Amino acid sequence: MKRCCLIILYVMLSSCITRSDNNHNVPSSVSEKNENTLSKELIQQHNPPTEHKLTSILYELAVAPDPDYFAKQHHILFTKGSVKVFISFDSLTSKPKREAMIQNYDIVIEKTAGNLSRAWVPVNQLIPLSNEPVIQSITLPKRLTPPKDKNHE
């Protein structure tokens, strides 16, 4: 009888071990489960909702608790609470309407060519500005990366 119980127990334990080896996504502890949930939430939190016309990095900057620190970590041109961006306007927007929006959102335009403006936008205005119907997109300027020095690799 003892031997029979031991065999049944052995079979049950071996099937449990086999199942856990095949399922790599099952967390082994409560803290691992919390980490998996948190990482999924963070990924979803940092993707801009579809109604915003911001790149994901600008959205992350806009919702960051410390935008200055975030900007430094991601090499974003950021000074005095404003970020340097390209704003693409809808081509049907009149010049007076654009100028009024620029004034309302405290935007400092550096240069404009057609429907595209390079400007400094207060970080707290990025999301509201991106919700404006006349805005097509707001992106970071492309930055050149210096060539790698082969002597220091």
Protein backbone atom coordinates (compact mmCIF):
# COMPACT_ATOMS: atom_id res chain seq x y z
CA MET A 1 0.00 0.00 0.00
CA LYS A 2 2.82 2.36 0.90
CA ARG A 3 4.60 1.54 -2.31
CA CYS A 4 1.44 2.23 -4.35
CA CYS A 5 0.95 5.63 -2.68
CA LEU A 6 4.58 6.55 -3.31
CA ILE A 7 4.27 5.64 -7.00
CA ILE A 8 1.11 7.73 -7.40
CA LEU A 9 2.75 10.65 -5.59
CA TYR A 10 5.84 10.34 -7.79
CA VAL A 11 3.74 10.34 -10.99
CA MET A 12 1.78 13.40 -9.85
CA LEU A 13 4.92 15.33 -8.94
CA SER A 14 6.68 14.46 -12.19
CA SER A 15 3.70 15.67 -14.24
CA CYS A 16 3.70 18.97 -12.30
CA ILE A 17 7.38 19.47 -12.99
CA THR A 18 6.91 18.70 -16.69
CA ARG A 19 4.05 21.20 -16.97
CA SER A 20 5.98 24.01 -15.29
CA ASP A 21 8.99 23.40 -17.55
CA ASN A 22 6.85 23.75 -20.67
CA ASN A 23 5.15 26.96 -19.59
CA HIS A 24 7.87 29.60 -19.39
CA ASN A 25 5.45 32.54 -18.98
CA VAL A 26 4.07 31.39 -15.65
CA PRO A 27 5.54 33.51 -12.87
CA SER A 28 7.28 31.50 -10.15
CA SER A 29 6.41 33.96 -7.41
CA VAL A 30 3.99 36.72 -6.51
CA SER A 31 6.66 39.41 -6.96
CA GLU A 32 7.49 38.09 -10.45
CA LYS A 33 3.79 38.24 -11.31
CA ASN A 34 3.67 41.86 -10.10
CA GLU A 35 6.76 42.71 -12.18
CA ASN A 36 5.14 41.22 -15.31
CA THR A 37 1.97 43.22 -14.69
CA LEU A 38 3.91 46.40 -13.99
CA SER A 39 6.03 46.11 -17.12
CA LYS A 40 2.90 45.65 -19.28
CA GLU A 41 1.28 48.67 -17.62
CA LEU A 42 4.40 50.79 -18.19
CA ILE A 43 4.53 49.83 -21.85
CA GLN A 44 0.87 50.76 -22.29
CA GLN A 45 1.27 53.96 -20.28
CA HIS A 46 4.14 55.26 -22.41
CA ASN A 47 2.51 54.77 -25.77
CA PRO A 48 0.61 57.90 -26.75
CA PRO A 49 -3.10 57.48 -27.27
CA THR A 50 -4.00 57.54 -30.95
CA GLU A 51 -5.67 60.94 -30.72
CA HIS A 52 -2.36 62.58 -29.82
CA LYS A 53 -0.14 63.53 -32.73
CA LEU A 54 3.07 63.19 -30.73
CA THR A 55 5.89 60.72 -31.15
CA SER A 56 6.06 58.27 -28.27
CA ILE A 57 9.23 59.83 -26.81
CA LEU A 58 7.55 63.27 -26.69
CA TYR A 59 4.50 61.75 -25.03
CA GLU A 60 6.76 60.12 -22.43
CA LEU A 61 8.45 63.47 -21.86
CA ALA A 62 5.07 65.19 -21.44
CA VAL A 63 3.89 62.70 -18.78
CA ALA A 64 7.27 62.29 -17.04
CA PRO A 65 7.32 63.30 -13.36
CA ASP A 66 10.67 65.04 -13.95
CA PRO A 67 10.82 66.22 -17.59
CA ASP A 68 14.27 67.78 -17.14
CA TYR A 69 15.78 64.49 -15.98
CA PHE A 70 13.93 62.54 -18.70
CA ALA A 71 15.19 64.93 -21.38
CA LYS A 72 18.79 64.58 -20.18
CA GLN A 73 18.52 60.78 -20.15
CA HIS A 74 17.20 60.73 -23.75
CA HIS A 75 19.38 63.55 -25.16
CA ILE A 76 16.38 65.76 -25.95
CA LEU A 77 16.91 69.49 -26.49
CA PHE A 78 15.15 70.86 -23.41
CA THR A 79 15.64 74.19 -21.68
CA LYS A 80 13.60 76.36 -19.32
CA GLY A 81 10.66 73.95 -19.45
CA SER A 82 10.46 73.90 -23.26
CA VAL A 83 11.42 71.28 -25.81
CA LYS A 84 12.65 71.82 -29.36
CA VAL A 85 10.28 70.17 -31.86
CA PHE A 86 9.02 70.20 -35.42
CA ILE A 87 5.34 71.07 -35.74
CA SER A 88 3.57 70.06 -38.92
CA PHE A 89 0.42 72.11 -39.54
CA ASP A 90 -2.53 71.15 -41.71
CA SER A 91 -2.04 72.82 -45.09
CA LEU A 92 -5.57 74.29 -45.04
CA THR A 93 -4.95 76.30 -41.86
CA SER A 94 -4.84 80.06 -42.33
CA LYS A 95 -1.80 82.06 -41.21
CA PRO A 96 -3.80 84.11 -38.63
CA LYS A 97 -5.17 80.90 -37.08
CA ARG A 98 -1.65 79.46 -36.80
CA GLU A 99 -0.33 82.65 -35.25
CA ALA A 100 -3.16 82.71 -32.70
CA MET A 101 -2.41 79.10 -31.74
CA ILE A 102 1.29 79.84 -31.45
CA GLN A 103 0.54 82.70 -29.09
CA ASN A 104 -2.04 80.70 -27.05
CA TYR A 105 0.39 77.85 -26.42
CA ASP A 106 3.45 80.06 -25.70
CA ILE A 107 5.34 78.59 -28.66
CA VAL A 108 8.58 80.22 -29.79
CA ILE A 109 9.07 79.68 -33.53
CA GLU A 110 12.66 79.47 -34.77
CA LYS A 111 12.00 78.84 -38.42
CA THR A 112 9.07 78.06 -40.72
CA ALA A 113 9.02 76.53 -44.19
CA GLY A 114 5.60 75.88 -45.69
CA ASN A 115 3.55 73.85 -43.19
CA LEU A 116 6.52 72.86 -41.03
CA SER A 117 7.85 74.93 -38.13
CA ARG A 118 10.84 74.35 -35.87
CA ALA A 119 9.88 75.64 -32.46
CA TRP A 120 10.30 75.56 -28.70
CA VAL A 121 7.11 74.30 -27.00
CA PRO A 122 6.52 74.27 -23.22
CA VAL A 123 6.45 70.61 -22.18
CA ASN A 124 3.14 71.10 -20.36
CA GLN A 125 1.59 72.27 -23.65
CA LEU A 126 2.63 69.27 -25.77
CA ILE A 127 -0.46 67.13 -25.20
CA PRO A 128 -3.03 69.96 -25.48
CA LEU A 129 -1.28 71.25 -28.62
CA SER A 130 -1.28 67.78 -30.16
CA ASN A 131 -5.06 67.63 -29.71
CA GLU A 132 -5.60 70.68 -31.93
CA PRO A 133 -7.25 69.75 -35.25
CA VAL A 134 -4.85 71.93 -37.28
CA ILE A 135 -1.80 69.99 -36.05
CA GLN A 136 -0.74 67.01 -38.16
CA SER A 137 2.24 65.91 -36.06
CA ILE A 138 4.80 66.98 -33.48
CA THR A 139 8.23 65.33 -33.66
CA LEU A 140 11.74 65.76 -32.34
CA PRO A 141 14.35 67.19 -34.71
CA LYS A 142 16.73 64.61 -36.12
CA ARG A 143 20.10 64.85 -34.41
CA LEU A 144 23.35 63.91 -36.00
CA THR A 145 25.39 61.45 -34.06
CA PRO A 146 29.13 62.04 -34.07
CA PRO A 147 31.21 59.39 -35.84
CA LYS A 148 32.70 56.76 -33.59
CA ASP A 149 36.38 57.17 -32.89
CA LYS A 150 37.99 53.87 -33.90
CA ASN A 151 40.90 54.49 -31.52
CA HIS A 152 38.61 54.38 -28.46
CA GLU A 153 36.58 51.25 -29.24
